[in-house]
Amino acid sequence: MTDAKIRSLDELKVICEERKALGQRVVLCHGVFDLLHIGHIKHLEAARKQGDVLVVTVTPDHFVNKGPGRPVFNEVLRAEAIAALSWVDYVAINRWPTAVETIRLLRPNLYVKGQEYVDAVQDITGKISDEEAAVTEVGGRLAFTHEVTFSSSHIINRHESFLSKEARDYLAAFSSRYSVADVRALFDKAESLKVLVVGEAIIDEYQYCTAIGKSSKEPTLVVKNLSSEKFAGGILAVGNHVSGFCRNVTLLSVLGDLNPQEEYVRSGLRSNIQPILLRRKDAPTIVKRRLIESYFFTKMIEVYEINDLDLDEEDNRRFCAALREQVAAHDLVIVVDYGHGLLSHEAIGILSSGSKFLAVNAQANAGNLGYHTISMYPRADYVTMTEGEIRLEARSRRGDLKSMVKRVADQLSCKRLVVTRGSNGCLCYDPKSEFVAVPAFAGRVVDRIGAGDAFLSVSSLCAVQGAPLDVIGFVGNAAGARAVATVGNAAPIERIPLLKQIETLMK
């Protein structure tokens, strides 16, 4: 019986046409239905009473934007659960992220939502207005049920969550102080910010391999190449993250004159980014190639294509001239200094003295370890560092972390400093609030590459607005959780999915 109710959308199109031809009213409901509960049951029962045939479509797994670890139940199980309800006539797994195209295909008499959607302004995605327009377009109308409402996310967060008890307790306290509307207001105001992002352009290349065995003559592991993919990384990824929240983003970087790959770089940037891409002599555009054992997604070795010497005098002069022209014209300057020779002492001086608000990460990596720390910057307004980076700066492997943070913040006259600590979340500091610890919100970790860049990119937009310290850490950790759930920089952080994730966490 249940299996007979689950149909394809094309089958449902024919069924809906036949039922309407008989004079029956077709009702359509749509949603994720990740954890079928009494609120869903009463909503669907009430919707069925408004017509003769109830059709329910389920959001497919890859369009569920509720953060890492969601949906808890896959699309097939969710469809089967809904089909088990006697008052549901047909169920289908949707092909699209929203119901707009589905409404146009099925042409229902009524499209029914719960009472929480009555006020369209409160809909984070803004899709309820699009869905109302679509159902009106096909001659139907939007209707609402007024049953008791519950939240799948709230139930999952409290009882079935992948989050630690520490994280659940933190979120409960955080949600008592702030609302989703508070965070949304920060993102809304960020749209008008003029942002300059500065740093090395890096192309991240992933080569997937399978191990064949040991060479017969030498103690060498032999692998077979299977496939490869590449992503716009480094400051290119930062620009893409920021441009999902801000209308005006300028990106300043350099490409090598040897194999510049400029066409790929430009094609990998979002349309609202204004790129200023200079060239440096005797260098390739930086490529970081990772050989990955495909079955376990284990990184075996990294190969850099790079000239990590300092820019020569002429290239540095041109880069500094571009910096002088840009920094004062922007509300926020985000610098990710990967330590590969781009940012000279002169360039750092221009950034530190000329930026209205300067957000910085000076990254420690295999190419600069021990030679590249945040102390190169005489001033910054907002700094993010990993725990390893701040311990390297303090030359203290086991010393008290908080005392190191205070010392570095004082040294930089820094208003806000955040130490990211992986699975331990982040430690946030400013002289007024002192310290705020925010737990991690990540579920399954696929790849850590780019997580720090995502954290800096999004949290900077809150820091420049003077947001509370705990909000900065919360938003940064939410962005980081999205970043580690994908391979490399395959997908930039987007405003609406991040807001949906934040809404889920705060329920």
Protein backbone atom coordinates (compact mmCIF):
# COMPACT_ATOMS: atom_id res chain seq x y z
CA MET A 1 0.00 0.00 0.00
CA THR A 2 2.77 2.43 0.97
CA ASP A 3 4.84 1.63 -2.13
CA ALA A 4 1.82 2.22 -4.37
CA LYS A 5 1.51 5.77 -3.05
CA ILE A 6 5.09 6.75 -3.90
CA ARG A 7 5.22 7.93 -7.50
CA SER A 8 7.46 9.96 -9.75
CA LEU A 9 6.56 13.59 -10.41
CA ASP A 10 5.73 12.78 -14.02
CA GLU A 11 3.28 10.10 -12.89
CA LEU A 12 1.72 12.54 -10.43
CA LYS A 13 1.26 15.11 -13.19
CA VAL A 14 -1.01 12.68 -15.05
CA ILE A 15 -2.84 11.64 -11.86
CA CYS A 16 -3.49 15.27 -10.88
CA GLU A 17 -4.84 16.06 -14.35
CA GLU A 18 -7.19 13.05 -14.20
CA ARG A 19 -8.47 13.92 -10.71
CA LYS A 20 -9.08 17.55 -11.61
CA ALA A 21 -10.94 16.44 -14.74
CA LEU A 22 -13.30 14.55 -12.42
CA GLY A 23 -13.96 17.76 -10.51
CA GLN A 24 -11.77 16.84 -7.52
CA ARG A 25 -9.67 19.42 -5.66
CA VAL A 26 -5.95 18.57 -5.58
CA VAL A 27 -4.01 19.73 -2.51
CA LEU A 28 -0.21 19.91 -2.53
CA CYS A 29 2.07 20.05 0.53
CA HIS A 30 5.84 20.25 0.36
CA GLY A 31 8.69 20.06 2.88
CA VAL A 32 11.71 18.22 4.26
CA PHE A 33 9.85 16.18 6.93
CA ASP A 34 13.15 15.00 8.38
CA LEU A 35 11.57 13.71 11.56
CA LEU A 36 7.87 13.00 11.10
CA HIS A 37 6.13 14.25 14.26
CA ILE A 38 2.69 15.20 15.56
CA GLY A 39 2.92 18.69 14.06
CA HIS A 40 3.46 17.25 10.56
CA ILE A 41 0.69 14.69 11.10
CA LYS A 42 -1.89 17.29 12.11
CA HIS A 43 -0.79 19.67 9.34
CA LEU A 44 -1.18 17.01 6.63
CA GLU A 45 -4.50 15.81 8.07
CA ALA A 46 -5.84 19.38 8.07
CA ALA A 47 -4.55 19.96 4.53
CA ARG A 48 -6.37 16.82 3.28
CA LYS A 49 -9.67 18.19 4.66
CA GLN A 50 -9.32 21.19 2.32
CA GLY A 51 -9.57 19.03 -0.80
CA ASP A 52 -10.15 15.58 -2.27
CA VAL A 53 -6.62 14.42 -3.08
CA LEU A 54 -3.52 15.13 -0.98
CA VAL A 55 -0.13 15.04 -2.74
CA VAL A 56 3.05 15.53 -0.69
CA THR A 57 6.47 16.23 -2.18
CA VAL A 58 9.69 15.74 -0.20
CA THR A 59 12.86 17.82 -0.55
CA PRO A 60 15.66 15.58 -1.90
CA ASP A 61 18.70 15.03 0.32
CA HIS A 62 21.09 17.19 -1.69
CA PHE A 63 18.85 20.25 -1.37
CA VAL A 64 18.35 20.07 2.41
CA ASN A 65 20.08 23.18 3.78
CA LYS A 66 19.83 22.58 7.50
CA GLY A 67 23.54 22.16 8.12
CA PRO A 68 25.96 19.23 8.54
CA GLY A 69 24.34 15.97 9.62
CA ARG A 70 20.98 16.80 8.03
CA PRO A 71 18.83 15.27 6.87
CA VAL A 72 18.96 12.58 9.53
CA PHE A 73 16.75 10.31 7.41
CA ASN A 74 17.32 9.94 3.67
CA GLU A 75 14.74 10.95 1.09
CA VAL A 76 13.41 7.42 0.55
CA LEU A 77 12.76 6.85 4.25
CA ARG A 78 11.13 10.27 4.57
CA ALA A 79 8.83 9.53 1.63
CA GLU A 80 7.90 6.12 3.05
CA ALA A 81 7.06 7.62 6.44
CA ILE A 82 4.67 10.16 4.89
CA ALA A 83 3.09 7.53 2.61
CA ALA A 84 2.23 5.48 5.71
CA LEU A 85 -0.32 8.15 6.73
CA SER A 86 -3.80 7.06 5.63
CA TRP A 87 -4.93 10.57 4.61
CA VAL A 88 -1.96 11.07 2.26
CA ASP A 89 -2.86 9.89 -1.23
CA TYR A 90 0.45 10.27 -3.09
CA VAL A 91 4.08 11.09 -2.32
CA ALA A 92 7.00 12.05 -4.56
CA ILE A 93 10.62 13.03 -4.06
CA ASN A 94 11.05 16.46 -5.57
CA ARG A 95 13.54 17.26 -8.34
CA TRP A 96 14.10 20.88 -7.31
CA PRO A 97 15.14 22.75 -4.15
CA THR A 98 11.73 24.46 -3.76
CA ALA A 99 8.14 23.76 -4.71
CA VAL A 100 7.93 26.47 -7.40
CA GLU A 101 8.66 24.17 -10.35
CA THR A 102 6.62 21.38 -8.74
CA ILE A 103 3.55 23.63 -8.48
CA ARG A 104 3.87 24.54 -12.15
CA LEU A 105 4.15 20.85 -13.06
CA LEU A 106 1.31 19.48 -10.91
CA ARG A 107 -0.98 22.56 -11.05
CA PRO A 108 -2.77 21.93 -7.71
CA ASN A 109 -5.95 23.71 -6.67
CA LEU A 110 -4.41 24.45 -3.28
CA TYR A 111 -0.83 24.72 -2.07
CA VAL A 112 -0.96 24.38 1.72
CA LYS A 113 1.64 25.51 4.26
CA GLY A 114 1.67 25.65 8.06
CA GLN A 115 0.78 28.75 10.05
CA GLU A 116 4.44 29.65 10.60
CA TYR A 117 4.51 30.78 6.94
CA VAL A 118 1.57 33.20 7.18
CA ASP A 119 4.00 36.11 7.63
CA ALA A 120 6.12 35.89 4.47
CA VAL A 121 8.65 38.37 5.91
CA GLN A 122 9.70 35.77 8.48
CA ASP A 123 10.60 33.24 5.77
CA ILE A 124 14.42 33.27 5.61
CA THR A 125 14.54 31.84 2.10
CA GLY A 126 11.95 34.23 0.70
CA LYS A 127 10.54 31.31 -1.30
CA ILE A 128 7.01 31.36 0.11
CA SER A 129 6.29 34.47 -1.99
CA ASP A 130 7.64 32.71 -5.09
CA GLU A 131 5.52 29.65 -4.32
CA GLU A 132 2.40 31.80 -3.84
CA ALA A 133 3.05 33.46 -7.20
CA ALA A 134 3.46 30.04 -8.85
CA VAL A 135 0.20 28.59 -7.47
CA THR A 136 -1.68 31.76 -8.47
CA GLU A 137 -0.14 31.49 -11.94
CA VAL A 138 -1.59 27.96 -12.42
CA GLY A 139 -5.05 29.03 -11.21
CA GLY A 140 -4.79 27.77 -7.64
CA ARG A 141 -4.28 29.53 -4.35
CA LEU A 142 -2.11 29.43 -1.24
CA ALA A 143 -3.78 28.21 1.96
CA PHE A 144 -2.63 27.58 5.52
CA THR A 145 -3.35 25.14 8.31
CA HIS A 146 -3.57 26.34 11.89
CA GLU A 147 -2.60 23.25 13.85
CA VAL A 148 -0.18 22.91 16.74
CA THR A 149 3.38 23.35 15.46
CA PHE A 150 6.56 21.58 16.48
CA SER A 151 10.08 21.71 15.10
CA SER A 152 11.89 18.66 13.76
CA SER A 153 15.15 20.53 14.24
CA HIS A 154 14.33 21.26 17.89
CA ILE A 155 13.52 17.60 18.57
CA ILE A 156 16.61 16.36 16.73
CA ASN A 157 18.86 18.91 18.43
CA ARG A 158 17.64 17.91 21.88
CA HIS A 159 17.35 14.13 21.49
CA GLU A 160 19.02 12.77 18.34
CA SER A 161 21.65 15.39 17.60
CA PHE A 162 25.21 14.69 16.51
CA LEU A 163 26.14 17.70 18.64
CA SER A 164 27.86 17.20 21.97
CA LYS A 165 26.04 17.94 25.22
CA GLU A 166 28.33 20.97 25.60
CA ALA A 167 27.21 22.28 22.20
CA ARG A 168 23.51 21.62 22.91
CA ASP A 169 23.73 23.41 26.27
CA TYR A 170 25.58 26.32 24.66
CA LEU A 171 22.99 26.65 21.90
CA ALA A 172 20.13 26.65 24.41
CA ALA A 173 21.78 29.51 26.31
CA PHE A 174 22.73 31.35 23.11
CA SER A 175 19.15 31.11 21.80
CA SER A 176 17.85 32.68 25.00
CA ARG A 177 20.01 35.76 24.34
CA TYR A 178 19.62 36.14 20.58
CA SER A 179 17.15 35.30 17.84
CA VAL A 180 17.65 34.21 14.24
CA ALA A 181 16.41 37.69 13.31
CA ASP A 182 19.40 39.20 15.14
CA VAL A 183 21.83 37.23 12.98
CA ARG A 184 19.80 37.87 9.87
CA ALA A 185 19.98 41.61 10.55
CA LEU A 186 23.79 41.41 10.52
CA PHE A 187 23.74 39.59 7.20
CA ASP A 188 21.25 42.10 5.78
CA LYS A 189 23.49 45.03 6.74
CA ALA A 190 26.53 43.24 5.32
CA GLU A 191 25.02 43.47 1.83
CA SER A 192 25.94 47.16 1.56
CA LEU A 193 29.52 46.78 2.82
CA LYS A 194 32.32 47.47 0.35
CA VAL A 195 34.89 44.72 0.96
CA LEU A 196 38.43 44.30 -0.33
CA VAL A 197 40.03 40.86 -0.07
CA VAL A 198 43.81 40.55 -0.43
CA GLY A 199 46.07 37.51 -0.60
CA GLU A 200 47.57 34.80 -2.77
CA ALA A 201 45.46 33.22 -5.51
CA ILE A 202 45.77 29.45 -5.14
CA ILE A 203 44.39 26.66 -7.27
CA ASP A 204 43.66 23.55 -5.22
CA GLU A 205 43.94 20.38 -7.28
CA TYR A 206 42.80 16.99 -6.00
CA GLN A 207 44.12 13.91 -7.79
CA TYR A 208 42.25 10.78 -6.72
CA CYS A 209 44.25 7.57 -6.78
CA THR A 210 44.07 3.95 -5.74
CA ALA A 211 47.07 2.11 -4.30
CA ILE A 212 48.47 -0.63 -6.53
CA GLY A 213 51.23 -1.79 -4.23
CA LYS A 214 54.99 -1.51 -3.67
CA SER A 215 57.38 -1.09 -6.53
CA SER A 216 59.13 -4.39 -7.25
CA LYS A 217 62.61 -2.80 -7.18
CA GLU A 218 62.35 0.03 -4.68
CA PRO A 219 60.47 0.68 -1.43
CA THR A 220 58.05 3.01 -3.24
CA LEU A 221 54.27 3.09 -2.99
CA VAL A 222 52.72 2.91 -6.45
CA VAL A 223 49.28 4.40 -7.12
CA LYS A 224 46.99 4.48 -10.12
CA ASN A 225 45.48 7.83 -11.09
CA LEU A 226 41.68 7.71 -11.27
CA SER A 227 40.43 11.26 -11.69
CA SER A 228 41.10 14.84 -10.69
CA GLU A 229 39.25 18.05 -9.88
CA LYS A 230 40.34 21.55 -9.02
CA PHE A 231 38.92 24.48 -7.10
CA ALA A 232 39.50 28.20 -6.79
CA GLY A 233 41.31 28.34 -3.44
CA GLY A 234 43.27 30.76 -1.33
CA ILE A 235 42.00 34.33 -1.58
CA LEU A 236 39.79 33.28 -4.52
CA ALA A 237 37.76 31.14 -2.12
CA VAL A 238 37.62 33.98 0.42
CA GLY A 239 36.27 36.32 -2.26
CA ASN A 240 33.60 33.80 -3.21
CA HIS A 241 32.54 33.37 0.43
CA VAL A 242 32.26 37.11 1.03
CA SER A 243 30.45 37.78 -2.24
CA GLY A 244 27.61 35.55 -1.10
CA PHE A 245 26.82 38.19 1.54
CA CYS A 246 28.05 41.50 0.06
CA ARG A 247 27.14 43.16 -3.23
CA ASN A 248 30.48 44.95 -3.71
CA VAL A 249 33.63 42.84 -3.40
CA THR A 250 37.04 43.68 -4.85
CA LEU A 251 39.75 41.03 -4.99
CA LEU A 252 43.41 42.00 -5.25
CA SER A 253 45.98 39.30 -5.98
CA VAL A 254 48.70 38.23 -8.38
CA LEU A 255 48.99 35.44 -10.92
CA GLY A 256 52.23 34.05 -12.26
CA ASP A 257 53.36 34.84 -15.78
CA LEU A 258 54.30 31.16 -16.16
CA ASN A 259 51.10 29.15 -16.68
CA PRO A 260 48.90 31.93 -15.25
CA GLN A 261 45.59 30.01 -15.67
CA GLU A 262 43.82 33.38 -15.71
CA GLU A 263 40.80 32.11 -17.63
CA TYR A 264 40.19 29.41 -15.02
CA VAL A 265 40.71 31.85 -12.15
CA ARG A 266 38.27 34.41 -13.55
CA SER A 267 35.67 31.75 -14.38
CA GLY A 268 35.88 30.48 -10.79
CA LEU A 269 34.93 33.86 -9.29
CA ARG A 270 31.35 34.95 -8.64
CA SER A 271 29.92 37.66 -10.86
CA ASN A 272 29.80 40.40 -8.20
CA ILE A 273 33.56 40.21 -7.56
CA GLN A 274 35.75 42.85 -9.21
CA PRO A 275 39.12 41.10 -9.68
CA ILE A 276 42.39 43.03 -9.87
CA LEU A 277 44.86 40.38 -10.96
CA LEU A 278 48.45 41.54 -11.40
CA ARG A 279 51.28 39.38 -12.74
CA ARG A 280 54.57 38.45 -11.16
CA LYS A 281 57.63 37.52 -13.15
CA ASP A 282 59.32 34.12 -13.12
CA ALA A 283 56.51 32.43 -11.22
CA PRO A 284 53.51 30.21 -11.91
CA THR A 285 50.08 30.83 -10.48
CA ILE A 286 50.24 28.81 -7.26
CA VAL A 287 48.88 25.27 -7.52
CA LYS A 288 48.63 23.01 -4.49
CA ARG A 289 48.15 19.47 -5.73
CA ARG A 290 47.04 16.76 -3.32
CA LEU A 291 47.28 13.05 -4.10
CA ILE A 292 44.33 11.37 -2.39
CA GLU A 293 43.59 7.69 -1.86
CA SER A 294 40.03 7.72 -3.15
CA TYR A 295 38.36 5.01 -1.06
CA PHE A 296 39.26 6.43 2.35
CA PHE A 297 39.76 10.04 1.13
CA THR A 298 43.23 9.97 2.68
CA LYS A 299 45.70 12.66 1.60
CA MET A 300 48.99 10.95 0.81
CA ILE A 301 51.21 13.80 -0.39
CA GLU A 302 51.04 17.44 -1.48
CA VAL A 303 52.96 18.93 -4.38
CA TYR A 304 53.27 22.74 -4.70
CA GLU A 305 53.82 24.57 -7.98
CA ILE A 306 55.13 27.82 -6.55
CA ASN A 307 57.77 30.51 -6.49
CA ASP A 308 57.71 31.52 -2.83
CA LEU A 309 60.41 34.16 -3.03
CA ASP A 310 59.43 37.74 -2.24
CA LEU A 311 58.09 39.83 -5.12
CA ASP A 312 60.85 41.59 -6.98
CA GLU A 313 61.13 45.36 -6.70
CA GLU A 314 59.03 46.18 -9.76
CA ASP A 315 56.25 43.69 -8.99
CA ASN A 316 56.12 44.89 -5.38
CA ARG A 317 55.90 48.52 -6.52
CA ARG A 318 52.90 47.75 -8.75
CA PHE A 319 51.18 45.69 -6.07
CA CYS A 320 51.67 48.38 -3.39
CA ALA A 321 50.36 51.04 -5.79
CA ALA A 322 47.19 48.99 -6.28
CA LEU A 323 46.86 48.58 -2.51
CA ARG A 324 47.15 52.33 -1.90
CA GLU A 325 44.44 52.95 -4.47
CA GLN A 326 42.02 50.43 -2.95
CA VAL A 327 42.29 50.18 0.85
CA ALA A 328 40.77 53.53 1.83
CA ALA A 329 37.83 53.03 -0.57
CA HIS A 330 36.51 49.99 1.30
CA ASP A 331 34.66 49.54 4.59
CA LEU A 332 36.40 46.25 5.34
CA VAL A 333 39.72 44.81 4.21
CA ILE A 334 40.19 41.05 4.66
CA VAL A 335 43.75 39.80 4.34
CA VAL A 336 44.68 36.14 4.26
CA ASP A 337 48.46 36.08 4.23
CA TYR A 338 49.52 32.59 3.15
CA GLY A 339 53.18 33.55 3.47
CA HIS A 340 54.23 32.79 -0.10
CA GLY A 341 56.01 36.08 -0.79
CA LEU A 342 53.15 38.32 -1.90
CA LEU A 343 52.89 40.69 1.06
CA SER A 344 56.06 42.67 1.71
CA HIS A 345 56.73 44.84 4.77
CA GLU A 346 55.72 47.83 2.66
CA ALA A 347 52.42 46.21 1.64
CA ILE A 348 51.68 45.25 5.26
CA GLY A 349 52.35 48.83 6.31
CA ILE A 350 49.85 50.13 3.75
CA LEU A 351 47.22 47.68 4.94
CA SER A 352 47.79 48.41 8.62
CA SER A 353 47.80 52.19 8.30
CA GLY A 354 45.23 52.71 5.55
CA SER A 355 42.40 50.23 6.23
CA LYS A 356 39.24 51.47 7.92
CA PHE A 357 38.76 48.01 9.41
CA LEU A 358 41.43 45.33 8.92
CA ALA A 359 40.72 41.62 9.39
CA VAL A 360 43.77 39.35 9.13
CA ASN A 361 44.84 35.74 9.20
CA ALA A 362 48.56 35.03 8.80
CA GLN A 363 48.58 31.35 7.94
CA ALA A 364 51.24 28.88 9.02
CA ASN A 365 51.77 26.13 6.46
CA ALA A 366 54.42 23.74 5.19
CA GLY A 367 56.02 26.44 3.06
CA ASN A 368 56.57 29.01 5.81
CA LEU A 369 56.45 27.25 9.18
CA GLY A 370 58.45 29.18 11.75
CA TYR A 371 59.09 32.16 9.46
CA HIS A 372 55.62 33.63 9.15
CA THR A 373 53.56 34.88 12.10
CA ILE A 374 50.98 37.56 12.88
CA SER A 375 53.60 39.77 14.57
CA MET A 376 54.54 41.06 11.10
CA TYR A 377 51.38 43.18 11.31
CA PRO A 378 51.73 46.27 13.53
CA ARG A 379 47.96 46.69 13.75
CA ALA A 380 44.75 44.81 13.02
CA ASP A 381 41.12 45.24 14.09
CA TYR A 382 40.15 41.58 13.90
CA VAL A 383 42.43 38.54 13.82
CA THR A 384 41.75 34.83 13.51
CA MET A 385 44.44 32.24 14.25
CA THR A 386 44.60 28.53 14.84
CA GLU A 387 45.81 27.40 18.24
CA GLY A 388 48.99 26.14 16.58
CA GLU A 389 49.61 29.53 14.99
CA ILE A 390 49.28 31.47 18.23
CA ARG A 391 51.50 29.00 20.07
CA LEU A 392 54.07 29.39 17.33
CA GLU A 393 53.81 33.16 17.69
CA ALA A 394 54.33 32.86 21.46
CA ARG A 395 57.02 30.17 21.08
CA SER A 396 55.13 28.16 23.69
CA ARG A 397 53.90 24.66 23.01
CA ARG A 398 52.13 24.10 26.34
CA GLY A 399 51.74 27.53 27.95
CA ASP A 400 48.46 29.10 29.05
CA LEU A 401 46.48 29.90 25.93
CA LYS A 402 44.56 32.86 27.35
CA SER A 403 47.69 34.72 28.40
CA MET A 404 49.09 34.26 24.88
CA VAL A 405 45.89 35.62 23.35
CA LYS A 406 45.99 38.73 25.56
CA ARG A 407 49.63 39.37 24.71
CA VAL A 408 49.10 39.09 20.94
CA ALA A 409 45.95 41.23 21.05
CA ASP A 410 47.77 43.95 22.99
CA GLN A 411 50.70 43.78 20.58
CA LEU A 412 48.41 44.37 17.58
CA SER A 413 46.11 46.84 19.37
CA CYS A 414 43.51 44.33 18.23
CA LYS A 415 39.85 44.85 19.17
CA ARG A 416 38.86 41.22 18.56
CA LEU A 417 40.94 38.04 18.32
CA VAL A 418 39.60 34.52 17.78
CA VAL A 419 41.57 31.30 18.14
CA THR A 420 40.06 28.43 16.13
CA ARG A 421 40.60 25.04 17.75
CA GLY A 422 39.10 22.46 15.39
CA SER A 423 36.82 20.02 17.22
CA ASN A 424 37.22 22.15 20.37
CA GLY A 425 35.44 25.10 18.75
CA CYS A 426 36.93 28.56 19.15
CA LEU A 427 38.12 30.92 21.87
CA CYS A 428 37.12 34.56 21.33
CA TYR A 429 38.68 37.58 23.05
CA ASP A 430 38.23 41.29 23.30
CA PRO A 431 39.41 43.58 26.12
CA LYS A 432 35.82 44.32 27.24
CA SER A 433 34.21 40.88 27.16
CA GLU A 434 37.43 39.05 27.97
CA PHE A 435 37.02 35.43 26.82
CA VAL A 436 34.10 33.58 25.25
CA ALA A 437 34.41 29.91 24.28
CA VAL A 438 32.13 28.65 21.51
CA PRO A 439 31.89 24.88 20.84
CA ALA A 440 32.18 23.31 17.40
CA PHE A 441 29.02 22.54 15.42
CA ALA A 442 30.48 20.24 12.76
CA GLY A 443 29.02 16.80 12.15
CA ARG A 444 30.81 14.60 9.63
CA VAL A 445 34.17 16.09 8.66
CA VAL A 446 34.95 15.47 5.00
CA ASP A 447 37.87 17.86 4.44
CA ARG A 448 39.39 20.58 6.63
CA ILE A 449 40.93 22.50 3.74
CA GLY A 450 39.48 26.03 3.61
CA ALA A 451 37.61 25.88 6.93
CA GLY A 452 39.69 28.69 8.47
CA ASP A 453 39.16 30.86 5.41
CA ALA A 454 35.40 30.33 5.64
CA PHE A 455 35.45 31.21 9.35
CA LEU A 456 37.36 34.45 8.74
CA SER A 457 35.32 35.44 5.69
CA VAL A 458 31.91 35.31 7.35
CA SER A 459 32.82 36.27 10.92
CA SER A 460 34.63 39.40 9.65
CA LEU A 461 31.31 40.69 8.32
CA CYS A 462 29.94 40.52 11.86
CA ALA A 463 33.09 41.89 13.51
CA VAL A 464 33.16 45.03 11.36
CA GLN A 465 29.61 45.80 12.51
CA GLY A 466 30.60 45.54 16.18
CA ALA A 467 28.57 42.37 16.78
CA PRO A 468 28.82 40.75 20.22
CA LEU A 469 31.80 38.46 20.65
CA ASP A 470 29.71 35.31 21.13
CA VAL A 471 27.78 36.06 17.93
CA ILE A 472 31.04 36.39 15.99
CA GLY A 473 32.24 33.01 17.27
CA PHE A 474 28.86 31.37 16.69
CA VAL A 475 28.57 32.57 13.07
CA GLY A 476 32.20 31.67 12.37
CA ASN A 477 31.79 28.14 13.73
CA ALA A 478 28.58 27.66 11.74
CA ALA A 479 30.42 28.68 8.56
CA GLY A 480 33.34 26.42 9.45
CA ALA A 481 30.95 23.50 9.97
CA ARG A 482 29.62 23.97 6.43
CA ALA A 483 33.14 24.20 5.03
CA VAL A 484 34.41 20.92 6.54
CA ALA A 485 31.35 19.08 5.22
CA THR A 486 32.50 19.53 1.59
CA VAL A 487 35.62 18.65 -0.39
CA GLY A 488 38.07 21.55 -0.50
CA ASN A 489 36.52 24.77 -1.76
CA ALA A 490 33.95 23.00 -3.92
CA ALA A 491 31.11 25.24 -2.70
CA PRO A 492 31.32 28.75 -1.22
CA ILE A 493 29.41 29.68 1.91
CA GLU A 494 26.02 31.07 0.87
CA ARG A 495 23.80 33.43 2.84
CA ILE A 496 20.50 31.52 2.72
CA PRO A 497 21.86 28.01 3.44
CA LEU A 498 23.93 29.41 6.31
CA LEU A 499 20.89 31.19 7.75
CA LYS A 500 18.88 27.97 7.45
CA GLN A 501 21.64 26.13 9.31
CA ILE A 502 21.70 28.83 12.00
CA GLU A 503 17.92 28.61 12.31
CA THR A 504 18.25 24.84 12.73
CA LEU A 505 20.95 25.17 15.39
CA MET A 506 18.95 27.74 17.36
CA LYS A 507 15.71 25.72 17.53
